[in-house]
Structure formats: structure tokens, C-alpha cells
């Protein structure tokens, strides 16, 4: 047999792109099963423009490596992402090009790449509470720990909830219930997510990743081609949803944010909550039960005050914050 005129294009191997993304994910592959563990450096992932972009970039790179036959997405530690990098949002402030790229491309790619780039079976393993849960909820199968509670927090911070999480609530919960949780920011728990169709199984604390690997190994008994085709069928309903509605949702959030920027009403306790301050309210949101209750005008208007008071008690040693990386990158001089 003769030699082809041109060989296959050399694409990056796991050891190469593992190094590229080492600040945002640990990658481990065994028998074709790849585990992606989101993080920032050696601790929990801190929400930032950089992590936002890295998630969509890594997913695209993973799709180019045919050795990744099944992919598990999880988060380091006992929880999903809770913190924000206060210094990780400066490029969002650079108008027009940087902010446009972050919001027009990154916000959409974070969602669509999970479905349109990955052709293989995917499993989300959620170890506990946290925000920006779109990655595991877009997987073919989603396992969560029994203490998981999440929400769509945007509206309480004055933002349009258009980054895809509200869209997924409408899809999984039904329109009215999805609208309610999207528009009131009330938290929903693991049992509710199971009952309403957002997750596949609820397991004991510390067992979500173990169960994900068990399912992945089960799929390995199927022929590679058939389980891959099966995954395409699993993704089809969400692909149709994203084609119809995703861009409308993301652009709506972006438009609302730009109006707030133009009006000068973005900050910590302002018309719109600035992303850099997320950690201050998120630690409180997940460490207390306040957001599990039906929300009111009073609860919304006092949210930042309650979070600040709670943080002051943590700083004084009166109470303990279970999320040990809180505010780890806040500049000195940030006032509550």
C-alpha cells in the first residue's frame, strides 16, 4: 500500500493539554474514561473571566482527542464552585472588544460546547452545593450528593438570568416552576432536582464521583460505536433547546449588564451586583438556609446586609465559615 500524500494533523495529547489547563482542571484518564476536576490552582474553582473561558476551551480540546471515550466532570473538594476571584474580572470592564468576547463568545460557548463539541457519553458528578452548575447539568447523566443545593442567583443581584441556568430550569422543571425558581432565586435541593428531572441519581455525601465511575465502567461493556451513538441520542433534546433559545438568553443578560454599566449602577450593594463580589454573598448563601425559603421583598433588599453581617462574624471568629477559601484574592480596601 502506498503512502498518503498528507498524514493526519498532529493534535495535542493528554499530557500536553493537561499542562495547558493545569490552573483550572486536573485531568486523569483510565481505560478511556477521562475525569475532569475543575479547580483554581490547588483549591476550589474561583469564578472569573479566565475560568469562564478555560471551561469552554478545555471542552473543545477534549473533543479533539479520540482517546477520551467517556468524560466525567466534577469539582475539587466537597462542593461545587462557590467562590469568585475578585481580580479576575478586569477584562470584562474593557469595552468594547474584551467584554464583547467574554460575553458574546465565552458565555455561549460555556454551554454549547458541552453538547455540540462532545460526541461521547458524559457524566456530571456534583459533590455538594455551589453555583454555575451548567456543566454537570448538561451531561448525559448527572449524579449529585444528598446535601447539594443550588439556585439561579442572578435576579436577586439585579442581573438578567440569561447565562443558561434559567433556561435549563425551564426545561427540566416545566415553564411555571422553572420561571419561579429563575425569577425568585430560591434554592432547590437534591431531592427536588431528582423529582423534577434535573439529576439522575442522588447519593450519599462523598459518593457522587464514585458512582459516576461505576456508571462509566458499566458503559465500557458496550461497543464503543454504540455507546457513542447512544450519547448523541441523549444530547439531542438539549441540542434542540439550545438552537432555539440559548443565544437569546445569553444576549439578554449581556444587554442588561451593559445598561447597568452605562448607567453606573454596578457594584457591591448597587442596582446590579458586580461579579467580583460574588464570594461575599455566596459563602453566606450556602452556609445558611435563608435562600431555601420563599423569597420576599424584604429578603432581597437585605441580602447584602445579611451577608456582610455574617462575614463580619466570621472575621471576628464568632462563627466559622465552612468554605475556607473565601475572599482569598480580594484586594485590600474593599469595603463592605
Protein backbone atom coordinates (compact mmCIF):
# COMPACT_ATOMS: atom_id res chain seq x y z
CA UNK A 1 0.00 0.00 0.00
CA UNK A 2 1.36 3.43 -0.93
CA UNK A 3 1.93 6.37 1.38
CA UNK A 4 -0.78 9.09 1.59
CA UNK A 5 0.10 12.47 0.15
CA UNK A 6 -0.53 14.08 3.56
CA UNK A 7 -0.73 12.48 7.00
CA UNK A 8 -3.21 13.16 9.83
CA UNK A 9 -2.83 16.53 11.52
CA UNK A 10 -0.86 16.27 14.78
CA UNK A 11 -3.20 17.22 17.61
CA UNK A 12 -2.30 17.68 21.29
CA UNK A 13 -2.07 14.62 23.52
CA UNK A 14 -3.42 14.45 27.07
CA UNK A 15 -0.04 15.21 28.67
CA UNK A 16 0.20 18.38 26.57
CA UNK A 17 -3.21 19.92 27.16
CA UNK A 18 -3.16 18.71 30.75
CA UNK A 19 -0.32 21.18 31.23
CA UNK A 20 -2.12 23.96 29.36
CA UNK A 21 -5.12 23.84 31.70
CA UNK A 22 -3.34 22.90 34.96
CA UNK A 23 -4.53 26.07 36.74
CA UNK A 24 -8.17 25.26 36.06
CA UNK A 25 -8.56 21.47 35.93
CA UNK A 26 -6.95 18.21 36.94
CA UNK A 27 -7.22 15.62 34.18
CA UNK A 28 -6.96 11.89 34.81
CA UNK A 29 -7.70 9.17 32.23
CA UNK A 30 -8.07 5.45 32.85
CA UNK A 31 -9.24 2.90 30.28
CA UNK A 32 -10.60 5.65 28.04
CA UNK A 33 -12.55 7.30 30.90
CA UNK A 34 -11.41 10.89 31.47
CA UNK A 35 -12.10 12.64 34.78
CA UNK A 36 -12.13 16.45 34.62
CA UNK A 37 -11.88 18.03 38.08
CA UNK A 38 -12.49 21.77 37.99
CA UNK A 39 -10.37 23.91 40.33
CA UNK A 40 -8.30 27.09 40.54
CA UNK A 41 -4.65 26.31 41.19
CA UNK A 42 -4.76 23.84 44.10
CA UNK A 43 -8.11 24.85 45.57
CA UNK A 44 -11.77 25.29 44.64
CA UNK A 45 -12.53 26.95 41.33
CA UNK A 46 -12.89 30.72 41.69
CA UNK A 47 -15.31 32.18 39.16
CA UNK A 48 -13.51 34.61 36.85
CA UNK A 49 -13.22 35.69 33.26
CA UNK A 50 -10.26 33.33 32.99
CA UNK A 51 -12.02 30.26 34.41
CA UNK A 52 -15.13 31.07 32.38
CA UNK A 53 -13.10 30.95 29.19
CA UNK A 54 -10.97 27.96 30.23
CA UNK A 55 -14.04 25.74 30.72
CA UNK A 56 -15.24 26.20 27.16
CA UNK A 57 -11.71 25.99 25.75
CA UNK A 58 -10.91 22.74 27.55
CA UNK A 59 -14.15 21.11 26.44
CA UNK A 60 -13.30 21.95 22.84
CA UNK A 61 -9.81 20.48 23.19
CA UNK A 62 -11.18 17.32 24.80
CA UNK A 63 -13.40 16.78 21.78
CA UNK A 64 -10.31 16.58 19.53
CA UNK A 65 -8.81 13.65 21.44
CA UNK A 66 -10.49 10.40 20.39
CA UNK A 67 -8.84 8.62 23.33
CA UNK A 68 -11.42 10.33 25.56
CA UNK A 69 -14.20 7.75 25.21
CA UNK A 70 -16.27 8.75 28.26
CA UNK A 71 -15.90 12.01 30.24
CA UNK A 72 -16.76 12.69 33.89
CA UNK A 73 -16.97 16.32 35.05
CA UNK A 74 -16.64 17.08 38.76
CA UNK A 75 -15.25 19.72 41.15
CA UNK A 76 -12.43 19.55 43.66
CA UNK A 77 -13.41 19.07 47.31
CA UNK A 78 -16.85 18.62 48.87
CA UNK A 79 -18.75 21.28 46.94
CA UNK A 80 -19.29 22.74 43.51
CA UNK A 81 -17.90 26.20 42.72
CA UNK A 82 -18.75 28.79 45.39
CA UNK A 83 -16.00 31.43 45.23
CA UNK A 84 -15.16 34.29 42.87
CA UNK A 85 -11.77 35.75 42.00
CA UNK A 86 -12.20 39.44 42.78
CA UNK A 87 -9.28 40.30 40.50
CA UNK A 88 -10.48 38.06 37.69
CA UNK A 89 -13.00 40.43 36.10
CA UNK A 90 -10.95 43.38 34.91
CA UNK A 91 -11.06 42.34 31.26
CA UNK A 92 -14.86 42.33 31.50
CA UNK A 93 -14.57 46.08 32.05
CA UNK A 94 -12.65 46.68 28.83
CA UNK A 95 -15.17 47.97 26.31
CA UNK A 96 -15.98 47.13 23.64
CA UNK A 97 -13.85 44.21 22.42
CA UNK A 98 -12.81 42.33 25.58
CA UNK A 99 -16.23 42.46 27.17
CA UNK A 100 -17.85 41.53 23.87
CA UNK A 101 -15.61 38.46 23.55
CA UNK A 102 -16.23 37.41 27.14
CA UNK A 103 -19.98 37.79 26.93
CA UNK A 104 -20.84 37.08 23.30
CA UNK A 105 -18.45 34.15 22.79
CA UNK A 106 -17.49 32.76 26.22
CA UNK A 107 -20.96 32.87 27.79
CA UNK A 108 -22.42 30.92 24.89
CA UNK A 109 -19.50 28.53 24.33
CA UNK A 110 -19.52 27.52 28.00
CA UNK A 111 -22.95 25.98 27.36
CA UNK A 112 -23.00 24.89 23.74
CA UNK A 113 -19.57 23.21 23.67
CA UNK A 114 -20.75 20.67 26.24
CA UNK A 115 -23.32 19.39 23.76
CA UNK A 116 -22.13 20.26 20.27
CA UNK A 117 -18.41 19.50 20.71
CA UNK A 118 -18.55 16.38 22.86
CA UNK A 119 -19.78 13.34 20.94
CA UNK A 120 -19.06 10.83 23.71
CA UNK A 121 -21.02 9.91 26.87
CA UNK A 122 -20.69 12.44 29.70
CA UNK A 123 -21.43 12.26 33.43
CA UNK A 124 -21.70 15.16 35.86
CA UNK A 125 -20.69 14.37 39.46
CA UNK A 126 -21.75 17.16 41.84
CA UNK A 127 -20.11 16.75 45.29
CA UNK A 128 -22.18 19.42 47.05
CA UNK A 129 -23.67 22.94 46.92
CA UNK A 130 -22.48 25.61 44.52
CA UNK A 131 -23.23 27.90 41.60
CA UNK A 132 -22.57 27.85 37.85
CA UNK A 133 -23.72 24.26 37.75
CA UNK A 134 -24.44 24.28 34.00
CA UNK A 135 -21.51 21.95 33.15
CA UNK A 136 -22.70 18.90 35.16
CA UNK A 137 -26.37 19.53 34.35
CA UNK A 138 -25.60 19.45 30.62
CA UNK A 139 -24.09 15.97 30.91
CA UNK A 140 -25.98 12.89 29.68
CA UNK A 141 -26.28 11.64 33.27
CA UNK A 142 -25.93 13.75 36.43
CA UNK A 143 -25.19 12.42 39.94
CA UNK A 144 -25.33 14.70 42.97
CA UNK A 145 -24.62 14.38 46.68
CA UNK A 146 -27.55 14.47 49.07
CA UNK A 147 -26.59 17.87 50.53
CA UNK A 148 -26.49 19.60 47.14
CA UNK A 149 -28.48 22.82 46.90
CA UNK A 150 -28.22 25.29 44.05
CA UNK A 151 -30.09 28.20 42.54
CA UNK A 152 -30.21 30.73 39.71
CA UNK A 153 -28.92 33.73 41.71
CA UNK A 154 -28.87 36.46 39.07
CA UNK A 155 -32.16 38.28 39.62
CA UNK A 156 -31.50 38.98 43.30
CA UNK A 157 -28.28 40.68 42.24
CA UNK A 158 -30.12 42.79 39.69
CA UNK A 159 -28.99 40.76 36.66
CA UNK A 160 -30.98 39.19 33.85
CA UNK A 161 -30.70 35.39 34.44
CA UNK A 162 -29.61 34.62 30.88
CA UNK A 163 -26.45 32.53 31.18
CA UNK A 164 -28.25 29.24 30.51
CA UNK A 165 -29.15 28.19 34.05
CA UNK A 166 -32.60 29.74 33.90
CA UNK A 167 -33.13 28.11 30.53
CA UNK A 168 -32.26 24.71 31.99
CA UNK A 169 -34.66 25.27 34.90
CA UNK A 170 -37.48 26.00 32.43
CA UNK A 171 -36.56 22.85 30.50
CA UNK A 172 -36.23 20.44 33.43
CA UNK A 173 -38.81 21.87 35.85
CA UNK A 174 -41.51 22.99 33.41
CA UNK A 175 -42.21 26.59 32.46
CA UNK A 176 -44.05 27.86 35.54
CA UNK A 177 -41.88 26.16 38.15
CA UNK A 178 -38.73 26.97 36.18
CA UNK A 179 -39.77 30.61 35.91
CA UNK A 180 -40.46 30.76 39.64
CA UNK A 181 -37.03 29.49 40.67
CA UNK A 182 -35.30 31.57 37.97
CA UNK A 183 -37.14 34.77 38.90
CA UNK A 184 -37.13 34.47 42.72
CA UNK A 185 -33.59 32.97 43.19
CA UNK A 186 -34.92 30.47 45.73
CA UNK A 187 -32.59 27.50 46.22
CA UNK A 188 -33.66 23.98 45.27
CA UNK A 189 -32.23 20.82 46.80
CA UNK A 190 -31.08 17.39 45.65
CA UNK A 191 -34.39 15.62 46.22
CA UNK A 192 -36.30 18.30 44.33
CA UNK A 193 -33.86 18.07 41.42
CA UNK A 194 -34.36 14.31 41.31
CA UNK A 195 -38.16 14.62 41.48
CA UNK A 196 -38.25 17.33 38.79
CA UNK A 197 -35.87 15.64 36.36
CA UNK A 198 -32.70 17.71 36.62
CA UNK A 199 -30.47 14.98 38.09
CA UNK A 200 -30.35 11.22 37.52
CA UNK A 201 -29.40 9.95 41.00
CA UNK A 202 -28.88 11.35 44.50
CA UNK A 203 -26.19 9.59 46.53
CA UNK A 204 -24.62 9.87 49.99
CA UNK A 205 -22.13 12.65 50.65
CA UNK A 206 -18.74 11.78 49.22
CA UNK A 207 -20.12 9.15 46.82
CA UNK A 208 -21.03 11.16 43.70
CA UNK A 209 -17.71 10.68 41.92
CA UNK A 210 -17.50 7.02 42.88
CA UNK A 211 -20.95 6.42 41.39
CA UNK A 212 -20.01 8.31 38.23
CA UNK A 213 -17.03 6.00 37.70
CA UNK A 214 -19.24 2.94 38.27
CA UNK A 215 -21.61 4.08 35.52
CA UNK A 216 -18.70 4.90 33.20
CA UNK A 217 -17.23 1.43 33.69
CA UNK A 218 -20.66 -0.05 33.04
CA UNK A 219 -20.82 1.76 29.69
CA UNK A 220 -17.41 0.37 28.80
CA UNK A 221 -19.10 -3.03 28.38
CA UNK A 222 -20.93 -1.62 25.36
CA UNK A 223 -19.24 -1.41 21.96
CA UNK A 224 -17.50 1.95 21.58
CA UNK A 225 -19.52 2.85 18.50
CA UNK A 226 -22.88 2.04 20.05
CA UNK A 227 -22.36 3.90 23.31
CA UNK A 228 -21.17 6.92 21.33
CA UNK A 229 -24.28 6.86 19.14
CA UNK A 230 -26.38 6.41 22.30
CA UNK A 231 -24.81 9.58 23.70
CA UNK A 232 -25.89 11.53 20.62
CA UNK A 233 -29.49 10.49 21.25
CA UNK A 234 -29.15 11.55 24.89
CA UNK A 235 -27.92 15.02 23.88
CA UNK A 236 -30.49 15.64 21.16
CA UNK A 237 -33.30 17.24 23.27
CA UNK A 238 -30.88 19.75 24.82
CA UNK A 239 -29.26 20.49 21.46
CA UNK A 240 -32.66 21.44 20.07
CA UNK A 241 -33.31 23.62 23.12
CA UNK A 242 -30.02 25.47 22.72
CA UNK A 243 -30.52 26.05 18.99
CA UNK A 244 -33.88 27.65 19.70
CA UNK A 245 -33.17 29.71 22.81
CA UNK A 246 -29.58 29.87 24.10
CA UNK A 247 -28.36 32.93 22.20
CA UNK A 248 -31.48 34.88 23.09
CA UNK A 249 -30.86 34.14 26.78
CA UNK A 250 -27.15 35.00 26.77
CA UNK A 251 -27.54 38.18 24.73
CA UNK A 252 -30.41 39.29 27.00
CA UNK A 253 -28.15 39.02 30.05
CA UNK A 254 -25.37 40.86 28.24
CA UNK A 255 -27.67 43.68 27.15
CA UNK A 256 -28.99 44.15 30.68
CA UNK A 257 -25.46 44.24 32.08
CA UNK A 258 -24.32 46.83 29.55
CA UNK A 259 -27.28 49.03 30.50
CA UNK A 260 -26.15 48.82 34.14
CA UNK A 261 -22.57 49.65 33.16
CA UNK A 262 -23.75 52.65 31.13
CA UNK A 263 -25.97 53.84 33.99
CA UNK A 264 -23.18 53.45 36.58
CA UNK A 265 -25.29 51.20 38.78
CA UNK A 266 -22.93 48.23 39.15
CA UNK A 267 -21.22 47.50 42.46
CA UNK A 268 -21.49 45.52 45.70
CA UNK A 269 -24.75 46.96 47.04
CA UNK A 270 -26.00 48.65 43.89
CA UNK A 271 -28.58 48.14 41.17
CA UNK A 272 -26.56 45.24 39.79
CA UNK A 273 -24.20 43.11 41.84
CA UNK A 274 -20.69 43.20 40.36
CA UNK A 275 -19.30 39.70 39.66
CA UNK A 276 -16.11 40.45 41.62
CA UNK A 277 -18.10 40.46 44.88
CA UNK A 278 -19.78 37.07 44.44
CA UNK A 279 -17.82 35.36 47.21
CA UNK A 280 -19.19 37.72 49.84
CA UNK A 281 -22.76 36.69 49.27
CA UNK A 282 -22.14 33.11 48.07
CA UNK A 283 -20.49 31.89 51.27
CA UNK A 284 -23.48 33.16 53.23
CA UNK A 285 -25.99 31.76 50.71
CA UNK A 286 -24.65 28.22 51.04
CA UNK A 287 -23.70 28.27 54.73
CA UNK A 288 -27.19 29.38 55.85
CA UNK A 289 -30.73 28.29 54.99
CA UNK A 290 -32.02 31.76 54.10
CA UNK A 291 -32.21 31.10 50.36
CA UNK A 292 -34.05 27.81 50.77
CA UNK A 293 -37.19 29.70 51.82
CA UNK A 294 -39.66 31.55 49.57
CA UNK A 295 -38.12 34.95 48.90
CA UNK A 296 -39.69 38.32 49.67
CA UNK A 297 -39.04 41.99 49.02
CA UNK A 298 -37.51 42.20 52.49
CA UNK A 299 -35.20 39.22 51.96
CA UNK A 300 -33.99 40.61 48.65
CA UNK A 301 -33.37 44.12 49.93
CA UNK A 302 -31.45 42.90 52.99
CA UNK A 303 -29.41 40.17 51.28
CA UNK A 304 -26.18 42.14 51.04
CA UNK A 305 -26.55 43.44 54.61
CA UNK A 306 -27.11 39.91 55.96
CA UNK A 307 -24.14 38.59 54.01
CA UNK A 308 -21.93 41.41 55.29
CA UNK A 309 -23.01 40.83 58.90
CA UNK A 310 -22.35 37.11 58.55
CA UNK A 311 -18.89 37.79 57.10
CA UNK A 312 -18.08 40.15 59.98
CA UNK A 313 -18.91 37.36 62.44
CA UNK A 314 -16.60 35.06 60.51
CA UNK A 315 -13.80 37.64 60.56
CA UNK A 316 -14.23 38.16 64.32
CA UNK A 317 -14.14 34.41 64.98
CA UNK A 318 -17.71 34.34 66.30
CA UNK A 319 -18.76 31.77 63.70
CA UNK A 320 -16.87 29.50 61.31
CA UNK A 321 -17.08 29.73 57.54
CA UNK A 322 -17.23 26.18 56.09
CA UNK A 323 -15.78 27.47 52.81
CA UNK A 324 -12.17 28.05 53.69
CA UNK A 325 -11.06 29.87 50.54
CA UNK A 326 -13.42 32.82 50.96
CA UNK A 327 -12.24 36.18 49.59
CA UNK A 328 -8.77 34.71 49.04
CA UNK A 329 -7.97 37.19 46.30
CA UNK A 330 -9.80 40.33 47.36
CA UNK A 331 -7.68 43.49 47.23
CA UNK A 332 -7.21 45.37 50.47
CA UNK A 333 -9.58 48.24 50.87
CA UNK A 334 -12.74 46.51 49.64
CA UNK A 335 -15.41 47.93 51.91
CA UNK A 336 -18.48 46.01 52.96
